[in-house]
Amino acid sequence: MAHDLQRLAEEHAANPTPENREAVVIAAVPLVRSLVGRISVPDHMLATREDLENVGLLGLLQALDNYDPERGTPFVSFAYGRIRGALVDYLRSIDVLPRERRRRLAEAQRAVETLRQMLGAEPDDQDVADYLGLSIAEYHKLLTDAQRRFALSLHDTTGSDGDQAVLDTIPNDEALQAFEQVDRESLQDYLATLIQELTEREQNILALYYYENLTLREIAQLLGLTEARISQILGKILVTLRGRLTSTRSFAA
């Protein structure tokens, strides 16, 4: 697919006719659907899969209009960023997660870290639910919210002002200084260590979602679980990892 899409994108760049534009769009539909499929669709009247696919296609068209093959960037990579960015902007615009739910997610993140220190081991779902005063069903709903919120985590904001995206903290190769490279590699090594502390099933799900690019439904079918349960497990993983990273950065500061 990537090879055909590259050829079609180059043909459009050389001769931007409606026919060539349509050919690119048709060929790129699987890419858009794959990205949308990796999002646990929010419970919102404006966030059906059809809505999100339409938003993704708009991002694709923006990518197509701005693509320059002479820069050497593969069209799939270029389009991926634009589609992903369009989805993030749209989900933010409809306020996917109310302020109260975001507050509860932050509480869950702190609770996991607190319980880990108290217990000397990774707390299970029931431990965290009890600590937060929630039923296990309510906590699982919160984990699903976490997966939805962090699914596009590279674009999530960080810092006290929430004005800098995680993606923005990844240095540009041309401007990279030696100490920044060391810091980045150190963070990557630490994150890899944290991932190794996850259970085998959690590591498998993380790999299937982020490295194999499988959708929640595909992972659920492969592991014999429900899509909702996969979303909950991913939410738990992300809450855990973000909590550990936040705690480490706070300590270092």
C-alpha atoms as a PDB file:
ATOM      1  CA  MET A   1       0.000   0.000   0.000  1.00  0.00           C
ATOM      2  CA  ALA A   2       2.756   2.452   0.939  1.00  0.00           C
ATOM      3  CA  HIS A   3       4.527   1.943  -2.392  1.00  0.00           C
ATOM      4  CA  ASP A   4       1.353   2.553  -4.426  1.00  0.00           C
ATOM      5  CA  LEU A   5       0.418   5.541  -2.284  1.00  0.00           C
ATOM      6  CA  GLN A   6       3.873   7.042  -2.763  1.00  0.00           C
ATOM      7  CA  ARG A   7       3.626   6.676  -6.529  1.00  0.00           C
ATOM      8  CA  LEU A   8       0.155   8.235  -6.614  1.00  0.00           C
ATOM      9  CA  ALA A   9       1.210  11.123  -4.368  1.00  0.00           C
ATOM     10  CA  GLU A  10       4.179  11.855  -6.618  1.00  0.00           C
ATOM     11  CA  GLU A  11       1.944  11.752  -9.689  1.00  0.00           C
ATOM     12  CA  HIS A  12      -0.424  14.223  -8.011  1.00  0.00           C
ATOM     13  CA  ALA A  13       2.448  16.521  -7.075  1.00  0.00           C
ATOM     14  CA  ALA A  14       3.590  16.552 -10.707  1.00  0.00           C
ATOM     15  CA  ASN A  15       0.076  16.854 -12.121  1.00  0.00           C
ATOM     16  CA  PRO A  16      -2.533  17.883  -9.488  1.00  0.00           C
ATOM     17  CA  THR A  17      -5.684  16.944 -11.381  1.00  0.00           C
ATOM     18  CA  PRO A  18      -8.991  15.963  -9.697  1.00  0.00           C
ATOM     19  CA  GLU A  19      -8.480  12.437 -11.015  1.00  0.00           C
ATOM     20  CA  ASN A  20      -5.042  12.097  -9.425  1.00  0.00           C
ATOM     21  CA  ARG A  21      -6.348  13.612  -6.190  1.00  0.00           C
ATOM     22  CA  GLU A  22      -9.183  11.099  -6.045  1.00  0.00           C
ATOM     23  CA  ALA A  23      -6.780   8.228  -6.693  1.00  0.00           C
ATOM     24  CA  VAL A  24      -4.648   9.243  -3.701  1.00  0.00           C
ATOM     25  CA  VAL A  25      -7.680   9.546  -1.431  1.00  0.00           C
ATOM     26  CA  ILE A  26      -8.994   6.102  -2.397  1.00  0.00           C
ATOM     27  CA  ALA A  27      -5.583   4.514  -1.852  1.00  0.00           C
ATOM     28  CA  ALA A  28      -5.148   6.257   1.527  1.00  0.00           C
ATOM     29  CA  VAL A  29      -8.506   5.261   3.031  1.00  0.00           C
ATOM     30  CA  PRO A  30      -6.961   2.187   4.772  1.00  0.00           C
ATOM     31  CA  LEU A  31      -4.340   4.448   6.381  1.00  0.00           C
ATOM     32  CA  VAL A  32      -7.025   6.790   7.718  1.00  0.00           C
ATOM     33  CA  ARG A  33      -9.156   3.910   8.984  1.00  0.00           C
ATOM     34  CA  SER A  34      -6.140   2.330  10.659  1.00  0.00           C
ATOM     35  CA  LEU A  35      -5.453   5.531  12.620  1.00  0.00           C
ATOM     36  CA  VAL A  36      -9.113   5.954  13.560  1.00  0.00           C
ATOM     37  CA  GLY A  37      -9.265   2.286  14.554  1.00  0.00           C
ATOM     38  CA  ARG A  38      -6.540   2.864  17.135  1.00  0.00           C
ATOM     39  CA  ILE A  39      -8.715   5.357  18.990  1.00  0.00           C
ATOM     40  CA  SER A  40     -11.276   4.203  21.518  1.00  0.00           C
ATOM     41  CA  VAL A  41     -14.131   6.317  20.159  1.00  0.00           C
ATOM     42  CA  PRO A  42     -15.421   8.760  22.816  1.00  0.00           C
ATOM     43  CA  ASP A  43     -19.048   8.647  23.877  1.00  0.00           C
ATOM     44  CA  HIS A  44     -19.935  11.818  22.018  1.00  0.00           C
ATOM     45  CA  MET A  45     -22.570  12.479  19.381  1.00  0.00           C
ATOM     46  CA  LEU A  46     -19.959  14.148  17.166  1.00  0.00           C
ATOM     47  CA  ALA A  47     -17.338  11.415  17.489  1.00  0.00           C
ATOM     48  CA  THR A  48     -18.655   8.444  15.544  1.00  0.00           C
ATOM     49  CA  ARG A  49     -16.135   6.468  13.528  1.00  0.00           C
ATOM     50  CA  GLU A  50     -17.610   8.014  10.383  1.00  0.00           C
ATOM     51  CA  ASP A  51     -17.050  11.502  11.819  1.00  0.00           C
ATOM     52  CA  LEU A  52     -13.450  10.686  12.695  1.00  0.00           C
ATOM     53  CA  GLU A  53     -12.763   9.113   9.306  1.00  0.00           C
ATOM     54  CA  ASN A  54     -14.052  12.288   7.628  1.00  0.00           C
ATOM     55  CA  VAL A  55     -11.758  14.380   9.842  1.00  0.00           C
ATOM     56  CA  GLY A  56      -8.862  12.078   8.987  1.00  0.00           C
ATOM     57  CA  LEU A  57      -9.558  12.450   5.281  1.00  0.00           C
ATOM     58  CA  LEU A  58      -9.446  16.234   5.645  1.00  0.00           C
ATOM     59  CA  GLY A  59      -6.030  15.840   7.275  1.00  0.00           C
ATOM     60  CA  LEU A  60      -5.008  13.626   4.384  1.00  0.00           C
ATOM     61  CA  LEU A  61      -6.058  16.256   1.840  1.00  0.00           C
ATOM     62  CA  GLN A  62      -4.055  18.898   3.715  1.00  0.00           C
ATOM     63  CA  ALA A  63      -1.046  16.603   3.557  1.00  0.00           C
ATOM     64  CA  LEU A  64      -1.562  16.016  -0.154  1.00  0.00           C
ATOM     65  CA  ASP A  65      -1.805  19.743  -0.896  1.00  0.00           C
ATOM     66  CA  ASN A  66       1.427  20.452   0.986  1.00  0.00           C
ATOM     67  CA  TYR A  67       3.471  17.417  -0.018  1.00  0.00           C
ATOM     68  CA  ASP A  68       6.747  17.985  -1.833  1.00  0.00           C
ATOM     69  CA  PRO A  69       8.427  14.729  -2.973  1.00  0.00           C
ATOM     70  CA  GLU A  70      11.734  16.538  -3.505  1.00  0.00           C
ATOM     71  CA  ARG A  71      12.169  16.915   0.251  1.00  0.00           C
ATOM     72  CA  GLY A  72      12.630  13.154   0.507  1.00  0.00           C
ATOM     73  CA  THR A  73       9.939  12.455   3.111  1.00  0.00           C
ATOM     74  CA  PRO A  74       7.778   9.409   2.309  1.00  0.00           C
ATOM     75  CA  PHE A  75       4.176  10.455   1.750  1.00  0.00           C
ATOM     76  CA  VAL A  76       2.861   7.899   4.252  1.00  0.00           C
ATOM     77  CA  SER A  77       4.988   9.447   7.011  1.00  0.00           C
ATOM     78  CA  PHE A  78       4.017  12.980   5.996  1.00  0.00           C
ATOM     79  CA  ALA A  79       0.309  12.134   5.788  1.00  0.00           C
ATOM     80  CA  TYR A  80       0.405  10.183   9.066  1.00  0.00           C
ATOM     81  CA  GLY A  81       1.379  13.306  10.997  1.00  0.00           C
ATOM     82  CA  ARG A  82      -1.256  15.478   9.334  1.00  0.00           C
ATOM     83  CA  ILE A  83      -4.038  12.912   9.803  1.00  0.00           C
ATOM     84  CA  ARG A  84      -3.085  12.307  13.409  1.00  0.00           C
ATOM     85  CA  GLY A  85      -2.905  16.040  14.078  1.00  0.00           C
ATOM     86  CA  ALA A  86      -6.338  16.603  12.526  1.00  0.00           C
ATOM     87  CA  LEU A  87      -7.839  13.896  14.745  1.00  0.00           C
ATOM     88  CA  VAL A  88      -6.219  15.325  17.869  1.00  0.00           C
ATOM     89  CA  ASP A  89      -7.437  18.846  17.093  1.00  0.00           C
ATOM     90  CA  TYR A  90     -10.962  17.612  16.435  1.00  0.00           C
ATOM     91  CA  LEU A  91     -11.176  15.533  19.610  1.00  0.00           C
ATOM     92  CA  ARG A  92      -9.938  18.497  21.625  1.00  0.00           C
ATOM     93  CA  SER A  93     -12.466  20.791  19.952  1.00  0.00           C
ATOM     94  CA  ILE A  94     -15.412  18.688  21.110  1.00  0.00           C
ATOM     95  CA  ASP A  95     -14.025  18.403  24.650  1.00  0.00           C
ATOM     96  CA  VAL A  96     -13.837  14.631  24.730  1.00  0.00           C
ATOM     97  CA  LEU A  97     -13.163  14.356  28.422  1.00  0.00           C
ATOM     98  CA  PRO A  98     -14.870  16.736  30.880  1.00  0.00           C
ATOM     99  CA  ARG A  99     -12.741  18.590  33.399  1.00  0.00           C
ATOM    100  CA  GLU A 100     -13.978  16.365  36.251  1.00  0.00           C
ATOM    101  CA  ARG A 101     -12.925  13.182  34.456  1.00  0.00           C
ATOM    102  CA  ARG A 102      -9.509  14.658  33.749  1.00  0.00           C
ATOM    103  CA  ARG A 103      -9.186  15.456  37.447  1.00  0.00           C
ATOM    104  CA  ARG A 104     -10.115  11.870  38.341  1.00  0.00           C
ATOM    105  CA  LEU A 105      -7.527  10.554  35.889  1.00  0.00           C
ATOM    106  CA  ALA A 106      -4.849  12.655  37.566  1.00  0.00           C
ATOM    107  CA  GLU A 107      -5.966  11.280  40.942  1.00  0.00           C
ATOM    108  CA  ALA A 108      -5.738   7.716  39.618  1.00  0.00           C
ATOM    109  CA  GLN A 109      -2.244   8.381  38.324  1.00  0.00           C
ATOM    110  CA  ARG A 110      -1.145   9.634  41.753  1.00  0.00           C
ATOM    111  CA  ALA A 111      -2.941   6.763  43.493  1.00  0.00           C
ATOM    112  CA  VAL A 112      -1.069   4.137  41.477  1.00  0.00           C
ATOM    113  CA  GLU A 113       2.278   5.694  42.401  1.00  0.00           C
ATOM    114  CA  THR A 114       1.321   6.073  46.080  1.00  0.00           C
ATOM    115  CA  LEU A 115       0.127   2.477  46.347  1.00  0.00           C
ATOM    116  CA  ARG A 116       3.239   1.207  44.616  1.00  0.00           C
ATOM    117  CA  GLN A 117       5.368   2.836  47.292  1.00  0.00           C
ATOM    118  CA  MET A 118       3.100   1.614  50.103  1.00  0.00           C
ATOM    119  CA  LEU A 119       2.832  -1.967  48.856  1.00  0.00           C
ATOM    120  CA  GLY A 120       6.310  -2.302  47.391  1.00  0.00           C
ATOM    121  CA  ALA A 121       4.709  -3.844  44.330  1.00  0.00           C
ATOM    122  CA  GLU A 122       2.427  -2.946  41.459  1.00  0.00           C
ATOM    123  CA  PRO A 123      -1.139  -2.427  42.813  1.00  0.00           C
ATOM    124  CA  ASP A 124      -3.936  -4.336  41.128  1.00  0.00           C
ATOM    125  CA  ASP A 125      -7.139  -2.742  39.866  1.00  0.00           C
ATOM    126  CA  GLN A 126      -9.041  -3.480  43.068  1.00  0.00           C
ATOM    127  CA  ASP A 127      -6.333  -1.850  45.215  1.00  0.00           C
ATOM    128  CA  VAL A 128      -6.534   1.367  43.210  1.00  0.00           C
ATOM    129  CA  ALA A 129     -10.336   1.329  43.065  1.00  0.00           C
ATOM    130  CA  ASP A 130     -10.529   0.932  46.862  1.00  0.00           C
ATOM    131  CA  TYR A 131      -7.998   3.712  47.399  1.00  0.00           C
ATOM    132  CA  LEU A 132     -10.025   6.056  45.200  1.00  0.00           C
ATOM    133  CA  GLY A 133     -13.327   5.027  46.756  1.00  0.00           C
ATOM    134  CA  LEU A 134     -14.634   3.676  43.465  1.00  0.00           C
ATOM    135  CA  SER A 135     -16.276   0.423  42.471  1.00  0.00           C
ATOM    136  CA  ILE A 136     -14.206  -1.806  40.206  1.00  0.00           C
ATOM    137  CA  ALA A 137     -16.603  -1.006  37.347  1.00  0.00           C
ATOM    138  CA  GLU A 138     -16.144   2.734  37.887  1.00  0.00           C
ATOM    139  CA  TYR A 139     -12.372   2.331  37.942  1.00  0.00           C
ATOM    140  CA  HIS A 140     -12.429   0.296  34.744  1.00  0.00           C
ATOM    141  CA  LYS A 141     -14.478   3.084  33.129  1.00  0.00           C
ATOM    142  CA  LEU A 142     -11.785   5.523  34.250  1.00  0.00           C
ATOM    143  CA  LEU A 143      -9.103   3.339  32.643  1.00  0.00           C
ATOM    144  CA  THR A 144     -11.070   3.378  29.403  1.00  0.00           C
ATOM    145  CA  ASP A 145     -11.131   7.179  29.634  1.00  0.00           C
ATOM    146  CA  ALA A 146      -7.362   7.099  30.147  1.00  0.00           C
ATOM    147  CA  GLN A 147      -6.850   5.055  26.997  1.00  0.00           C
ATOM    148  CA  ARG A 148      -9.000   7.486  25.035  1.00  0.00           C
ATOM    149  CA  ARG A 149      -7.150  10.488  26.377  1.00  0.00           C
ATOM    150  CA  PHE A 150      -3.649   9.077  25.971  1.00  0.00           C
ATOM    151  CA  ALA A 151      -4.165   7.213  22.691  1.00  0.00           C
ATOM    152  CA  LEU A 152      -2.617  10.153  20.871  1.00  0.00           C
ATOM    153  CA  SER A 153      -0.234  10.824  23.716  1.00  0.00           C
ATOM    154  CA  LEU A 154       2.585  12.312  21.641  1.00  0.00           C
ATOM    155  CA  HIS A 155       0.310  15.282  21.106  1.00  0.00           C
ATOM    156  CA  ASP A 156      -0.781  15.584  24.757  1.00  0.00           C
ATOM    157  CA  THR A 157       0.388  18.712  26.524  1.00  0.00           C
ATOM    158  CA  THR A 158       2.754  18.660  29.454  1.00  0.00           C
ATOM    159  CA  GLY A 159       4.098  21.098  31.986  1.00  0.00           C
ATOM    160  CA  SER A 160       2.350  23.287  34.512  1.00  0.00           C
ATOM    161  CA  ASP A 161       0.843  25.513  31.827  1.00  0.00           C
ATOM    162  CA  GLY A 162      -0.123  22.642  29.553  1.00  0.00           C
ATOM    163  CA  ASP A 163       1.152  24.581  26.571  1.00  0.00           C
ATOM    164  CA  GLN A 164       3.811  22.215  25.264  1.00  0.00           C
ATOM    165  CA  ALA A 165       3.088  18.940  23.502  1.00  0.00           C
ATOM    166  CA  VAL A 166       5.184  15.870  24.233  1.00  0.00           C
ATOM    167  CA  LEU A 167       5.906  15.748  20.508  1.00  0.00           C
ATOM    168  CA  ASP A 168       7.391  19.245  20.747  1.00  0.00           C
ATOM    169  CA  THR A 169       9.948  18.057  23.297  1.00  0.00           C
ATOM    170  CA  ILE A 170      11.508  15.643  20.794  1.00  0.00           C
ATOM    171  CA  PRO A 171      14.530  17.591  19.514  1.00  0.00           C
ATOM    172  CA  ASN A 172      15.120  18.353  15.867  1.00  0.00           C
ATOM    173  CA  ASP A 173      18.137  16.423  14.571  1.00  0.00           C
ATOM    174  CA  GLU A 174      19.717  19.550  13.143  1.00  0.00           C
ATOM    175  CA  ALA A 175      19.487  21.434  16.445  1.00  0.00           C
ATOM    176  CA  LEU A 176      20.320  18.519  18.728  1.00  0.00           C
ATOM    177  CA  GLN A 177      23.051  19.217  21.262  1.00  0.00           C
ATOM    178  CA  ALA A 178      25.102  16.447  22.840  1.00  0.00           C
ATOM    179  CA  PHE A 179      23.599  16.822  26.312  1.00  0.00           C
ATOM    180  CA  GLU A 180      20.066  16.740  24.858  1.00  0.00           C
ATOM    181  CA  GLN A 181      20.844  13.482  23.094  1.00  0.00           C
ATOM    182  CA  VAL A 182      22.145  11.936  26.300  1.00  0.00           C
ATOM    183  CA  ASP A 183      19.063  13.113  28.200  1.00  0.00           C
ATOM    184  CA  ARG A 184      16.737  11.721  25.567  1.00  0.00           C
ATOM    185  CA  GLU A 185      18.510   8.368  25.422  1.00  0.00           C
ATOM    186  CA  SER A 186      18.469   8.185  29.209  1.00  0.00           C
ATOM    187  CA  LEU A 187      14.708   8.753  29.227  1.00  0.00           C
ATOM    188  CA  GLN A 188      14.214   6.119  26.532  1.00  0.00           C
ATOM    189  CA  ASP A 189      16.299   3.607  28.502  1.00  0.00           C
ATOM    190  CA  TYR A 190      14.300   4.344  31.650  1.00  0.00           C
ATOM    191  CA  LEU A 191      11.007   3.936  29.803  1.00  0.00           C
ATOM    192  CA  ALA A 192      12.224   0.610  28.391  1.00  0.00           C
ATOM    193  CA  THR A 193      13.041  -0.506  31.942  1.00  0.00           C
ATOM    194  CA  LEU A 194       9.551   0.454  33.112  1.00  0.00           C
ATOM    195  CA  ILE A 195       7.966  -1.475  30.252  1.00  0.00           C
ATOM    196  CA  GLN A 196       9.973  -4.582  31.207  1.00  0.00           C
ATOM    197  CA  GLU A 197       8.360  -4.394  34.660  1.00  0.00           C
ATOM    198  CA  LEU A 198       4.899  -4.804  33.120  1.00  0.00           C
ATOM    199  CA  THR A 199       3.288  -8.230  32.945  1.00  0.00           C
ATOM    200  CA  GLU A 200       3.879 -10.298  29.822  1.00  0.00           C
ATOM    201  CA  ARG A 201       0.303  -9.710  28.680  1.00  0.00           C
ATOM    202  CA  GLU A 202       0.615  -5.953  29.169  1.00  0.00           C
ATOM    203  CA  GLN A 203       3.890  -5.884  27.227  1.00  0.00           C
ATOM    204  CA  ASN A 204       2.277  -7.869  24.406  1.00  0.00           C
ATOM    205  CA  ILE A 205      -0.704  -5.508  24.212  1.00  0.00           C
ATOM    206  CA  LEU A 206       1.573  -2.471  24.248  1.00  0.00           C
ATOM    207  CA  ALA A 207       3.679  -3.948  21.438  1.00  0.00           C
ATOM    208  CA  LEU A 208       0.663  -4.919  19.337  1.00  0.00           C
ATOM    209  CA  TYR A 209      -0.880  -1.456  19.687  1.00  0.00           C
ATOM    210  CA  TYR A 210       2.117   0.836  19.368  1.00  0.00           C
ATOM    211  CA  TYR A 211       4.571  -1.219  17.299  1.00  0.00           C
ATOM    212  CA  GLU A 212       2.412  -3.568  15.227  1.00  0.00           C
ATOM    213  CA  ASN A 213      -0.262  -0.862  14.759  1.00  0.00           C
ATOM    214  CA  LEU A 214      -3.141  -3.238  15.427  1.00  0.00           C
ATOM    215  CA  THR A 215      -6.504  -1.731  16.343  1.00  0.00           C
ATOM    216  CA  LEU A 216      -8.187  -2.380  19.685  1.00  0.00           C
ATOM    217  CA  ARG A 217     -10.615  -4.740  17.963  1.00  0.00           C
ATOM    218  CA  GLU A 218      -7.821  -6.701  16.272  1.00  0.00           C
ATOM    219  CA  ILE A 219      -5.926  -7.089  19.558  1.00  0.00           C
ATOM    220  CA  ALA A 220      -9.107  -8.197  21.320  1.00  0.00           C
ATOM    221  CA  GLN A 221      -9.745 -10.874  18.693  1.00  0.00           C
ATOM    222  CA  LEU A 222      -6.140 -12.049  18.817  1.00  0.00           C
ATOM    223  CA  LEU A 223      -6.083 -12.380  22.624  1.00  0.00           C
ATOM    224  CA  GLY A 224      -9.651 -13.571  23.108  1.00  0.00           C
ATOM    225  CA  LEU A 225     -10.700 -10.511  25.129  1.00  0.00           C
ATOM    226  CA  THR A 226     -13.275  -7.783  24.582  1.00  0.00           C
ATOM    227  CA  GLU A 227     -12.347  -4.485  22.930  1.00  0.00           C
ATOM    228  CA  ALA A 228     -13.430  -2.718  26.134  1.00  0.00           C
ATOM    229  CA  ARG A 229     -11.052  -4.833  28.220  1.00  0.00           C
ATOM    230  CA  ILE A 230      -8.126  -4.122  25.884  1.00  0.00           C
ATOM    231  CA  SER A 231      -8.916  -0.412  26.204  1.00  0.00           C
ATOM    232  CA  GLN A 232      -8.926  -0.730  30.015  1.00  0.00           C
ATOM    233  CA  ILE A 233      -5.596  -2.556  30.066  1.00  0.00           C
ATOM    234  CA  LEU A 234      -4.006   0.039  27.785  1.00  0.00           C
ATOM    235  CA  GLY A 235      -5.410   2.766  30.010  1.00  0.00           C
ATOM    236  CA  LYS A 236      -3.879   1.128  33.073  1.00  0.00           C
ATOM    237  CA  ILE A 237      -0.501   0.811  31.340  1.00  0.00           C
ATOM    238  CA  LEU A 238      -0.510   4.451  30.290  1.00  0.00           C
ATOM    239  CA  VAL A 239      -1.600   5.699  33.712  1.00  0.00           C
ATOM    240  CA  THR A 240       1.194   3.629  35.270  1.00  0.00           C
ATOM    241  CA  LEU A 241       3.926   4.743  32.877  1.00  0.00           C
ATOM    242  CA  ARG A 242       2.933   8.408  32.941  1.00  0.00           C
ATOM    243  CA  GLY A 243       2.790   8.303  36.739  1.00  0.00           C
ATOM    244  CA  ARG A 244       6.279   6.822  36.988  1.00  0.00           C
ATOM    245  CA  LEU A 245       7.718   9.297  34.483  1.00  0.00           C
ATOM    246  CA  THR A 246       6.037  12.247  36.180  1.00  0.00           C
ATOM    247  CA  SER A 247       7.307  11.120  39.571  1.00  0.00           C
ATOM    248  CA  THR A 248      10.859  10.718  38.248  1.00  0.00           C
ATOM    249  CA  ARG A 249      10.857  14.130  36.560  1.00  0.00           C
ATOM    250  CA  SER A 250       9.510  15.797  39.706  1.00  0.00           C
ATOM    251  CA  PHE A 251      12.239  14.150  41.783  1.00  0.00           C
ATOM    252  CA  ALA A 252      14.909  15.182  39.300  1.00  0.00           C
ATOM    253  CA  ALA A 253      13.684  18.771  39.331  1.00  0.00           C
END
